Amino acid sequence: MRSAPDVLWVFLALPLVMALGLSVALLAAPGQPLLRHERARLLALACAAGLLVNYAIGMLVAGLRWVLLADVAIAGAALSWAVCLHRGVLAEMFAMGWLRWLSVCALLLLAAGAVLFEPLHAWDARTIWFFAAKRIFFGGGVDGAADWTLPAYGFSHADYPKLLPLVAAQFAEAWGVWNEYIPKAGLLVLLAPAALGLAGLAPRFGLSLAVLAAPLLLSTRDYLWNGYLDTYLAIYGVLAMLYFARWLSSSAPLDLALGGTFVGIAVNLKNEGALLTVCIGACLVAWLVLARGGPAMLRWRTWPAGAWLALLLPWIGFAAWALTRHQWQLANDLQLGTGSSLQRVWQRLDEGQLAVIAKAILVKSDIANALGLLLVSGALARVLRVRIPASAWFPAAVALLYSAGLVFVYLATPNDLAWHLASSVDRTMLLATVGFLGSTYLVLEAMEGRDPVHSASPKTTGLQT
């Protein structure tokens, strides 16, 4: 896959994904005229919901060809419904400003070069997600790959969620051949909702968004295009934290819908997504219990249908895969929650291994830098007497809880601890690192005076788009 028509073919798949989730976005749209960043949010919601619709179909329908046909039928029906009944909102969604469009397209085009023109060679990418995609392609669907239960495939972590493998296998199916390039196009489809979600975060582009986006996209090195999913888990994780934080401040159903779909993509990417979901859920419960306006946010009867669909949609594919995994008796290699894992935790604590884990995390990841940046920005806001909304600390709270969960995983691992730390800390701690960056972004945004909820007289700093 080396020619311009092949690249064009990949980008033609993006409107199909957006059309799949178009109904969710339109049903979640606010009644009043949309601001430009809200239009970007609706496009992000459509793309994210489209990915989840496709995953649900792939988990419920046998045969890749039937899945593709169902995708086309549902996308066509949703587009026809939108044109007939919501033509004005549909046209308004795409008018999100030239700078946002330029940023999103530039990111996708830059990523396309590395994604599509570099073959699969990274170990985890080849043996986990894209090996699963290969099994789905040659088996004709997820059900056709039931021989993953054979001991010979034990190296491939067959219990992992199948969102990316399904999309990668669909590209190979549509192209009619499996090679080392075309299945990686699934990474671009996975990046599109995240790019739109980043573009829709702020009413204006300014320093705070740069502090978030630059480390998130540039410091992850080749993890953005080599087939590993740690970067994508981190991106969707921090976006989920940020949009849930927005909802805690604004009670806007659109923010709730985006938080739900982004965490839904994360939980269907890697097993760590389940830990992220638990951490976000626990922090949401704590915030709603402690917040005076908590009951008002939970007036679920006032939520639009799109918000409900966005919250429920991720769990269709998740539940279908969980049942399949149980039927095939696929167990996770970490054996978490078993008596042996708890015994290892106590043993390693007694041996003082907690200090070893803490040192590895501080040395091999950027979490200390991210936490330091958050503390400095918080201290500066205090000196300047800037009021920081309580929701700004929500991503940091999730990051702390997630870090504690990962420490427990390392204590419980049946693998050699030194090897496990050396081979994974820089990737697994990425989500916690960007969680702290998420809170830094919200603190800096409050300092810029651009938070539409908490700033009575927003300043004009930043570039209006």
Protein backbone atom coordinates (compact mmCIF):
# COMPACT_ATOMS: atom_id res chain seq x y z
CA MET A 1 0.00 0.00 0.00
CA ARG A 2 2.19 2.81 -1.30
CA SER A 3 0.14 4.90 -3.78
CA ALA A 4 -2.00 8.00 -3.45
CA PRO A 5 -5.24 6.14 -4.36
CA ASP A 6 -4.62 3.77 -1.48
CA VAL A 7 -4.32 6.69 0.95
CA LEU A 8 -7.49 8.20 -0.50
CA TRP A 9 -9.26 4.88 0.05
CA VAL A 10 -8.42 5.08 3.75
CA PHE A 11 -9.81 8.59 4.11
CA LEU A 12 -13.02 7.59 2.35
CA ALA A 13 -13.66 5.22 5.27
CA LEU A 14 -13.82 8.12 7.74
CA PRO A 15 -17.17 9.50 6.45
CA LEU A 16 -18.63 5.99 6.75
CA VAL A 17 -17.60 5.79 10.40
CA MET A 18 -18.99 9.28 11.04
CA ALA A 19 -22.30 8.39 9.37
CA LEU A 20 -22.59 5.30 11.58
CA GLY A 21 -22.68 7.48 14.68
CA LEU A 22 -24.47 10.45 13.15
CA SER A 23 -27.80 9.70 14.81
CA VAL A 24 -26.20 9.68 18.27
CA ALA A 25 -24.60 13.09 17.65
CA LEU A 26 -27.74 14.71 16.26
CA LEU A 27 -29.87 13.40 19.11
CA ALA A 28 -27.35 14.79 21.61
CA ALA A 29 -27.07 18.22 19.95
CA PRO A 30 -28.09 21.24 22.07
CA GLY A 31 -31.23 23.00 20.97
CA GLN A 32 -29.62 26.45 20.62
CA PRO A 33 -27.25 27.49 17.80
CA LEU A 34 -23.90 25.76 18.13
CA LEU A 35 -20.62 27.46 18.90
CA ARG A 36 -17.66 26.37 16.79
CA HIS A 37 -16.06 24.20 19.45
CA GLU A 38 -19.45 22.54 20.06
CA ARG A 39 -19.60 21.64 16.36
CA ALA A 40 -16.23 19.94 16.69
CA ARG A 41 -17.57 18.06 19.71
CA LEU A 42 -20.57 16.83 17.72
CA LEU A 43 -18.31 15.59 14.93
CA ALA A 44 -16.12 13.86 17.51
CA LEU A 45 -19.20 12.25 19.05
CA ALA A 46 -20.38 11.04 15.65
CA CYS A 47 -17.00 9.45 14.86
CA ALA A 48 -16.58 7.89 18.30
CA ALA A 49 -20.13 6.53 18.31
CA GLY A 50 -19.58 5.21 14.78
CA LEU A 51 -16.58 3.19 15.96
CA LEU A 52 -18.67 1.74 18.79
CA VAL A 53 -21.59 0.93 16.48
CA ASN A 54 -19.21 -0.90 14.16
CA TYR A 55 -17.73 -2.81 17.10
CA ALA A 56 -21.15 -3.83 18.37
CA ILE A 57 -22.12 -5.08 14.91
CA GLY A 58 -18.83 -6.96 14.57
CA MET A 59 -19.39 -8.69 17.89
CA LEU A 60 -23.00 -9.65 17.10
CA VAL A 61 -22.93 -10.44 13.38
CA ALA A 62 -21.03 -13.42 12.00
CA GLY A 63 -18.96 -12.76 8.88
CA LEU A 64 -16.90 -9.71 7.98
CA ARG A 65 -18.78 -9.16 4.74
CA TRP A 66 -22.09 -9.08 6.56
CA VAL A 67 -20.63 -6.63 9.06
CA LEU A 68 -19.53 -4.32 6.24
CA LEU A 69 -22.95 -4.57 4.58
CA ALA A 70 -24.67 -3.78 7.86
CA ASP A 71 -22.35 -0.78 8.32
CA VAL A 72 -23.26 0.60 4.89
CA ALA A 73 -26.98 0.03 5.46
CA ILE A 74 -27.01 1.71 8.89
CA ALA A 75 -24.82 4.60 7.70
CA GLY A 76 -27.06 5.16 4.69
CA ALA A 77 -30.21 5.12 6.80
CA ALA A 78 -28.72 7.52 9.35
CA LEU A 79 -27.52 9.91 6.65
CA SER A 80 -30.92 9.88 4.92
CA TRP A 81 -32.67 10.57 8.23
CA ALA A 82 -30.27 13.42 8.97
CA VAL A 83 -30.70 15.03 5.54
CA CYS A 84 -34.48 14.81 5.70
CA LEU A 85 -35.08 15.91 9.29
CA HIS A 86 -31.91 17.59 10.58
CA ARG A 87 -30.38 19.21 7.51
CA GLY A 88 -29.68 22.50 9.29
CA VAL A 89 -27.87 20.93 12.25
CA LEU A 90 -25.98 18.61 9.90
CA ALA A 91 -24.66 21.55 7.88
CA GLU A 92 -23.89 23.50 11.04
CA MET A 93 -21.81 20.63 12.47
CA PHE A 94 -19.20 20.92 9.74
CA ALA A 95 -18.71 24.70 10.14
CA MET A 96 -16.27 24.40 13.03
CA GLY A 97 -13.75 26.94 11.68
CA TRP A 98 -10.79 26.76 9.35
CA LEU A 99 -8.16 26.45 12.09
CA ARG A 100 -9.84 23.44 13.67
CA TRP A 101 -10.24 21.76 10.30
CA LEU A 102 -6.63 22.53 9.45
CA SER A 103 -5.40 21.12 12.77
CA VAL A 104 -7.43 17.90 12.48
CA CYS A 105 -6.54 17.28 8.84
CA ALA A 106 -2.85 18.08 9.42
CA LEU A 107 -2.68 15.61 12.30
CA LEU A 108 -4.35 12.84 10.30
CA LEU A 109 -2.22 13.47 7.21
CA LEU A 110 1.02 13.55 9.19
CA ALA A 111 0.06 10.36 10.98
CA ALA A 112 -0.96 8.75 7.68
CA GLY A 113 2.60 8.80 6.41
CA ALA A 114 4.00 6.91 9.37
CA VAL A 115 0.99 4.62 9.79
CA LEU A 116 0.53 3.53 6.18
CA PHE A 117 4.11 3.52 4.88
CA GLU A 118 5.81 1.74 7.79
CA PRO A 119 5.17 -2.00 7.98
CA LEU A 120 4.22 -3.83 11.13
CA HIS A 121 7.35 -4.77 13.05
CA ALA A 122 6.79 -3.94 16.75
CA TRP A 123 6.42 -7.08 18.86
CA ASP A 124 3.19 -6.38 20.74
CA ALA A 125 1.55 -4.93 17.64
CA ARG A 126 2.32 -8.03 15.58
CA THR A 127 1.55 -10.62 18.24
CA ILE A 128 -1.49 -9.10 19.96
CA TRP A 129 -3.74 -6.64 18.12
CA PHE A 130 -2.75 -7.25 14.52
CA PHE A 131 -2.37 -10.98 15.02
CA ALA A 132 -5.95 -10.90 16.30
CA ALA A 133 -6.91 -8.89 13.20
CA LYS A 134 -5.21 -11.47 11.00
CA ARG A 135 -7.16 -14.28 12.68
CA ILE A 136 -10.43 -12.37 12.17
CA PHE A 137 -9.58 -11.72 8.50
CA PHE A 138 -8.69 -15.30 7.63
CA GLY A 139 -11.46 -16.70 9.82
CA GLY A 140 -14.04 -14.46 8.17
CA GLY A 141 -15.09 -12.88 11.47
CA VAL A 142 -14.62 -13.02 15.21
CA ASP A 143 -16.49 -16.33 15.48
CA GLY A 144 -14.27 -17.83 12.83
CA ALA A 145 -11.22 -17.26 15.01
CA ALA A 146 -12.35 -19.55 17.83
CA ASP A 147 -9.17 -21.58 17.48
CA TRP A 148 -7.49 -18.84 19.54
CA THR A 149 -8.32 -21.12 22.42
CA LEU A 150 -5.54 -23.47 21.30
CA PRO A 151 -2.50 -23.44 23.61
CA ALA A 152 -0.29 -22.57 20.63
CA TYR A 153 -1.85 -19.11 20.55
CA GLY A 154 -1.28 -18.42 24.22
CA PHE A 155 1.32 -15.78 23.42
CA SER A 156 -1.26 -13.55 21.69
CA HIS A 157 -3.33 -12.44 24.71
CA ALA A 158 -6.52 -13.65 23.06
CA ASP A 159 -8.64 -12.22 25.87
CA TYR A 160 -7.87 -8.61 24.87
CA PRO A 161 -10.77 -6.52 23.46
CA LYS A 162 -11.17 -6.59 19.70
CA LEU A 163 -12.11 -3.03 18.67
CA LEU A 164 -8.92 -2.28 16.71
CA PRO A 165 -8.44 -5.85 15.41
CA LEU A 166 -11.96 -5.76 13.96
CA VAL A 167 -11.38 -2.44 12.17
CA ALA A 168 -7.98 -3.60 10.87
CA ALA A 169 -9.51 -6.85 9.58
CA GLN A 170 -12.30 -4.89 7.88
CA PHE A 171 -9.77 -2.83 5.91
CA ALA A 172 -8.04 -6.02 4.78
CA GLU A 173 -11.42 -7.53 3.88
CA ALA A 174 -12.44 -4.48 1.85
CA TRP A 175 -9.06 -4.47 0.10
CA GLY A 176 -9.17 -8.22 -0.47
CA VAL A 177 -5.70 -9.01 0.83
CA TRP A 178 -3.73 -9.13 4.06
CA ASN A 179 -0.36 -7.39 4.11
CA GLU A 180 1.79 -5.41 6.55
CA TYR A 181 0.34 -2.01 5.60
CA ILE A 182 -3.39 -1.81 4.88
CA PRO A 183 -4.58 -3.19 8.28
CA LYS A 184 -2.71 -0.35 10.00
CA ALA A 185 -5.24 2.03 8.46
CA GLY A 186 -7.39 1.14 11.45
CA LEU A 187 -5.09 3.35 13.52
CA LEU A 188 -6.07 6.39 11.45
CA VAL A 189 -9.77 5.66 11.93
CA LEU A 190 -9.05 5.34 15.65
CA LEU A 191 -7.20 8.67 15.68
CA ALA A 192 -9.95 10.69 13.95
CA PRO A 193 -12.43 10.97 16.87
CA ALA A 194 -9.58 11.82 19.24
CA ALA A 195 -8.33 14.59 16.93
CA LEU A 196 -11.82 16.08 16.73
CA GLY A 197 -12.23 15.72 20.49
CA LEU A 198 -9.03 17.68 21.08
CA ALA A 199 -10.14 20.34 18.59
CA GLY A 200 -13.44 20.74 20.44
CA LEU A 201 -12.03 21.07 23.95
CA ALA A 202 -11.54 24.84 24.01
CA PRO A 203 -13.58 27.74 22.59
CA ARG A 204 -10.26 29.22 21.43
CA PHE A 205 -6.82 27.82 20.74
CA GLY A 206 -4.33 29.03 23.32
CA LEU A 207 -1.44 28.10 25.60
CA SER A 208 -3.44 25.69 27.76
CA LEU A 209 -4.44 23.51 24.80
CA ALA A 210 -0.85 23.51 23.52
CA VAL A 211 0.39 22.33 26.94
CA LEU A 212 -2.00 19.39 26.68
CA ALA A 213 -1.78 18.50 22.99
CA ALA A 214 1.95 18.85 22.40
CA PRO A 215 3.14 16.29 25.01
CA LEU A 216 0.18 14.05 24.23
CA LEU A 217 0.97 13.80 20.52
CA LEU A 218 4.72 14.43 20.33
CA SER A 219 6.26 12.77 23.37
CA THR A 220 4.71 9.35 22.67
CA ARG A 221 7.27 8.73 19.92
CA ASP A 222 6.46 5.85 17.57
CA TYR A 223 3.70 4.49 19.81
CA LEU A 224 1.32 6.69 17.81
CA TRP A 225 1.88 4.74 14.58
CA ASN A 226 3.66 1.43 15.28
CA GLY A 227 0.53 -0.48 16.30
CA TYR A 228 0.78 -0.30 20.08
CA LEU A 229 -2.39 0.97 21.73
CA ASP A 230 -0.96 2.59 24.86
CA THR A 231 -0.94 6.05 23.29
CA TYR A 232 -4.51 5.69 22.05
CA LEU A 233 -5.62 4.47 25.47
CA ALA A 234 -3.97 7.54 27.01
CA ILE A 235 -5.53 9.94 24.51
CA TYR A 236 -9.04 8.56 24.91
CA GLY A 237 -8.56 8.26 28.66
CA VAL A 238 -7.61 11.91 29.15
CA LEU A 239 -10.37 13.05 26.79
CA ALA A 240 -12.89 11.06 28.83
CA MET A 241 -11.56 12.65 32.04
CA LEU A 242 -11.73 16.15 30.55
CA TYR A 243 -15.23 15.86 29.14
CA PHE A 244 -16.54 14.34 32.36
CA ALA A 245 -14.88 17.26 34.17
CA ARG A 246 -16.70 19.60 31.78
CA TRP A 247 -19.95 17.86 32.62
CA LEU A 248 -19.33 18.22 36.34
CA SER A 249 -19.06 21.98 35.75
CA SER A 250 -21.71 22.53 33.09
CA SER A 251 -24.18 19.61 33.39
CA ALA A 252 -24.27 19.73 29.57
CA PRO A 253 -25.52 16.41 28.11
CA LEU A 254 -23.14 16.76 25.16
CA ASP A 255 -20.14 16.68 27.51
CA LEU A 256 -21.62 13.66 29.27
CA ALA A 257 -22.13 11.90 25.93
CA LEU A 258 -18.54 12.57 24.86
CA GLY A 259 -17.16 11.34 28.18
CA GLY A 260 -19.22 8.17 27.84
CA THR A 261 -18.13 7.39 24.28
CA PHE A 262 -14.46 8.17 24.89
CA VAL A 263 -14.25 5.94 27.96
CA GLY A 264 -16.22 3.37 25.95
CA ILE A 265 -13.55 3.31 23.26
CA ALA A 266 -10.83 3.05 25.92
CA VAL A 267 -12.45 0.06 27.63
CA ASN A 268 -12.72 -1.73 24.27
CA LEU A 269 -9.07 -1.09 23.34
CA LYS A 270 -7.12 -2.73 26.16
CA ASN A 271 -7.78 -4.50 29.44
CA GLU A 272 -6.40 -1.45 31.24
CA GLY A 273 -9.48 0.37 29.98
CA ALA A 274 -11.53 -1.54 32.55
CA LEU A 275 -9.32 -0.15 35.32
CA LEU A 276 -9.74 3.34 33.85
CA THR A 277 -13.52 2.92 33.80
CA VAL A 278 -13.58 1.87 37.45
CA CYS A 279 -11.40 4.85 38.42
CA ILE A 280 -13.54 7.33 36.50
CA GLY A 281 -16.71 5.83 37.93
CA ALA A 282 -15.39 6.00 41.49
CA CYS A 283 -14.30 9.63 41.08
CA LEU A 284 -17.63 10.61 39.50
CA VAL A 285 -19.50 9.09 42.43
CA ALA A 286 -17.26 10.93 44.90
CA TRP A 287 -17.69 14.24 43.06
CA LEU A 288 -21.47 13.90 42.82
CA VAL A 289 -21.76 12.99 46.50
CA LEU A 290 -19.61 15.91 47.60
CA ALA A 291 -20.95 18.47 45.11
CA ARG A 292 -23.94 20.55 46.08
CA GLY A 293 -25.28 20.40 42.53
CA GLY A 294 -24.84 16.65 42.25
CA PRO A 295 -28.55 15.79 42.32
CA ALA A 296 -29.24 18.38 39.60
CA MET A 297 -26.70 16.71 37.30
CA LEU A 298 -28.45 13.38 37.74
CA ARG A 299 -31.82 14.53 36.44
CA TRP A 300 -31.61 11.73 33.92
CA ARG A 301 -35.13 12.29 32.62
CA THR A 302 -33.96 15.55 31.06
CA TRP A 303 -31.04 13.95 29.23
CA PRO A 304 -31.58 13.76 25.45
CA ALA A 305 -31.76 10.42 23.69
CA GLY A 306 -28.30 10.96 22.22
CA ALA A 307 -26.73 11.10 25.68
CA TRP A 308 -28.42 7.83 26.64
CA LEU A 309 -27.26 6.16 23.44
CA ALA A 310 -23.71 7.40 23.98
CA LEU A 311 -23.66 5.99 27.51
CA LEU A 312 -25.16 2.61 26.59
CA LEU A 313 -23.56 1.99 23.20
CA PRO A 314 -20.02 1.10 24.41
CA TRP A 315 -21.28 -1.74 26.53
CA ILE A 316 -23.01 -3.67 23.73
CA GLY A 317 -19.75 -4.75 22.12
CA PHE A 318 -18.07 -5.03 25.51
CA ALA A 319 -20.76 -7.38 26.85
CA ALA A 320 -20.80 -9.44 23.64
CA TRP A 321 -17.03 -9.94 23.79
CA ALA A 322 -17.17 -10.71 27.53
CA LEU A 323 -19.70 -13.48 26.85
CA THR A 324 -17.62 -14.84 23.98
CA ARG A 325 -14.50 -14.75 26.10
CA HIS A 326 -16.31 -16.62 28.88
CA GLN A 327 -17.62 -19.19 26.42
CA TRP A 328 -14.14 -19.76 25.02
CA GLN A 329 -12.69 -19.81 28.58
CA LEU A 330 -10.06 -17.21 27.76
CA ALA A 331 -8.24 -16.15 30.93
CA ASN A 332 -5.99 -13.16 31.47
CA ASP A 333 -2.34 -14.05 31.96
CA LEU A 334 -2.03 -11.80 35.04
CA GLN A 335 -4.51 -13.96 37.02
CA LEU A 336 -5.76 -10.89 38.88
CA GLY A 337 -8.19 -11.43 41.72
CA THR A 338 -7.21 -15.03 42.33
CA GLY A 339 -5.80 -16.33 45.60
CA SER A 340 -2.36 -16.69 44.08
CA SER A 341 -2.28 -13.06 42.91
CA LEU A 342 -3.25 -11.75 46.34
CA GLN A 343 -0.60 -13.96 47.90
CA ARG A 344 2.02 -12.48 45.57
CA VAL A 345 0.94 -8.97 46.55
CA TRP A 346 1.49 -9.64 50.25
CA GLN A 347 4.76 -11.41 49.57
CA ARG A 348 6.17 -8.56 47.47
CA LEU A 349 5.04 -5.97 49.98
CA ASP A 350 6.83 -7.93 52.69
CA GLU A 351 9.96 -8.01 50.51
CA GLY A 352 9.93 -4.24 50.03
CA GLN A 353 9.15 -4.42 46.31
CA LEU A 354 6.82 -1.41 46.55
CA ALA A 355 9.87 0.88 46.67
CA VAL A 356 11.29 -0.87 43.57
CA ILE A 357 8.05 -0.27 41.67
CA ALA A 358 7.89 3.37 42.76
CA LYS A 359 11.48 3.98 41.68
CA ALA A 360 10.87 2.38 38.26
CA ILE A 361 7.77 4.52 37.72
CA LEU A 362 9.61 7.73 38.62
CA VAL A 363 12.69 6.90 36.53
CA LYS A 364 11.16 5.32 33.44
CA SER A 365 8.04 7.48 33.01
CA ASP A 366 7.32 11.21 32.81
CA ILE A 367 4.75 11.14 35.59
CA ALA A 368 6.95 13.15 37.99
CA ASN A 369 7.35 15.93 35.40
CA ALA A 370 3.61 16.01 34.73
CA LEU A 371 2.81 16.13 38.44
CA GLY A 372 5.39 18.87 38.97
CA LEU A 373 3.91 20.93 36.15
CA LEU A 374 0.46 20.59 37.72
CA LEU A 375 1.73 21.69 41.12
CA VAL A 376 3.54 24.71 39.65
CA SER A 377 0.49 25.79 37.67
CA GLY A 378 -1.74 25.34 40.72
CA ALA A 379 0.63 27.38 42.88
CA LEU A 380 0.79 30.12 40.23
CA ALA A 381 -3.00 30.25 40.08
CA ARG A 382 -3.11 30.64 43.85
CA VAL A 383 -0.56 33.47 43.77
CA LEU A 384 -2.56 35.23 41.06
CA ARG A 385 -5.77 34.57 43.02
CA VAL A 386 -7.42 32.81 40.11
CA ARG A 387 -10.46 30.77 41.09
CA ILE A 388 -9.94 27.18 39.96
CA PRO A 389 -13.13 25.11 39.63
CA ALA A 390 -13.12 21.93 41.69
CA SER A 391 -13.73 19.91 38.53
CA ALA A 392 -10.26 20.93 37.28
CA TRP A 393 -8.78 18.39 39.70
CA PHE A 394 -10.96 15.55 38.43
CA PRO A 395 -8.42 14.21 35.87
CA ALA A 396 -5.67 14.30 38.51
CA ALA A 397 -7.85 12.34 40.93
CA VAL A 398 -8.50 9.70 38.27
CA ALA A 399 -4.77 9.58 37.45
CA LEU A 400 -3.86 9.02 41.11
CA LEU A 401 -6.39 6.23 41.47
CA TYR A 402 -5.28 4.66 38.18
CA SER A 403 -1.64 4.80 39.30
CA ALA A 404 -2.54 2.97 42.51
CA GLY A 405 -4.33 0.33 40.47
CA LEU A 406 -1.27 -0.21 38.26
CA VAL A 407 0.97 -0.52 41.30
CA PHE A 408 -1.32 -3.29 42.53
CA VAL A 409 -1.07 -4.99 39.11
CA TYR A 410 2.72 -4.91 39.27
CA LEU A 411 2.67 -6.32 42.79
CA ALA A 412 0.38 -9.13 41.63
CA THR A 413 2.09 -10.00 38.33
CA PRO A 414 3.09 -13.66 37.96
CA ASN A 415 5.90 -12.53 35.64
CA ASP A 416 9.37 -11.58 36.76
CA LEU A 417 8.85 -8.16 38.33
CA ALA A 418 12.10 -6.61 37.08
CA TRP A 419 11.35 -7.69 33.50
CA HIS A 420 7.74 -6.55 33.72
CA LEU A 421 8.76 -3.10 34.96
CA ALA A 422 11.54 -2.67 32.42
CA SER A 423 9.36 -3.68 29.48
CA SER A 424 6.17 -1.76 30.23
CA VAL A 425 6.38 1.10 32.74
CA ASP A 426 6.97 3.81 30.14
CA ARG A 427 3.80 2.70 28.30
CA THR A 428 1.46 1.74 31.12
CA MET A 429 2.06 4.96 33.09
CA LEU A 430 1.35 7.12 30.04
CA LEU A 431 -2.35 7.35 30.87
CA ALA A 432 -1.65 8.52 34.44
CA THR A 433 0.87 11.04 33.11
CA VAL A 434 -1.56 12.64 30.68
CA GLY A 435 -4.22 12.60 33.40
CA PHE A 436 -2.10 15.07 35.36
CA LEU A 437 -1.60 17.05 32.15
CA GLY A 438 -5.38 17.14 31.81
CA SER A 439 -5.73 18.88 35.16
CA THR A 440 -2.89 21.23 34.23
CA TYR A 441 -4.80 22.13 31.09
CA LEU A 442 -7.95 22.96 33.08
CA VAL A 443 -5.98 25.06 35.59
CA LEU A 444 -4.26 27.02 32.81
CA GLU A 445 -7.58 27.45 31.03
CA ALA A 446 -9.06 29.01 34.17
CA MET A 447 -6.02 31.28 34.37
CA GLU A 448 -6.57 32.34 30.76
CA GLY A 449 -10.13 33.24 31.70
CA ARG A 450 -11.59 31.06 28.96
CA ASP A 451 -13.78 28.67 30.93
CA PRO A 452 -17.31 29.54 29.71
CA VAL A 453 -18.84 28.10 32.89
CA HIS A 454 -16.70 29.73 35.54
CA SER A 455 -15.58 32.99 33.93
CA ALA A 456 -18.10 35.80 34.01
CA SER A 457 -16.04 38.00 31.67
CA PRO A 458 -13.84 35.88 29.40
CA LYS A 459 -10.70 37.49 28.13
CA THR A 460 -9.84 37.67 24.47
CA THR A 461 -6.55 35.83 24.76
CA GLY A 462 -6.06 32.96 22.36
CA LEU A 463 -6.99 32.61 18.71
CA GLN A 464 -10.70 32.67 17.92
CA THR A 465 -11.62 30.06 15.33
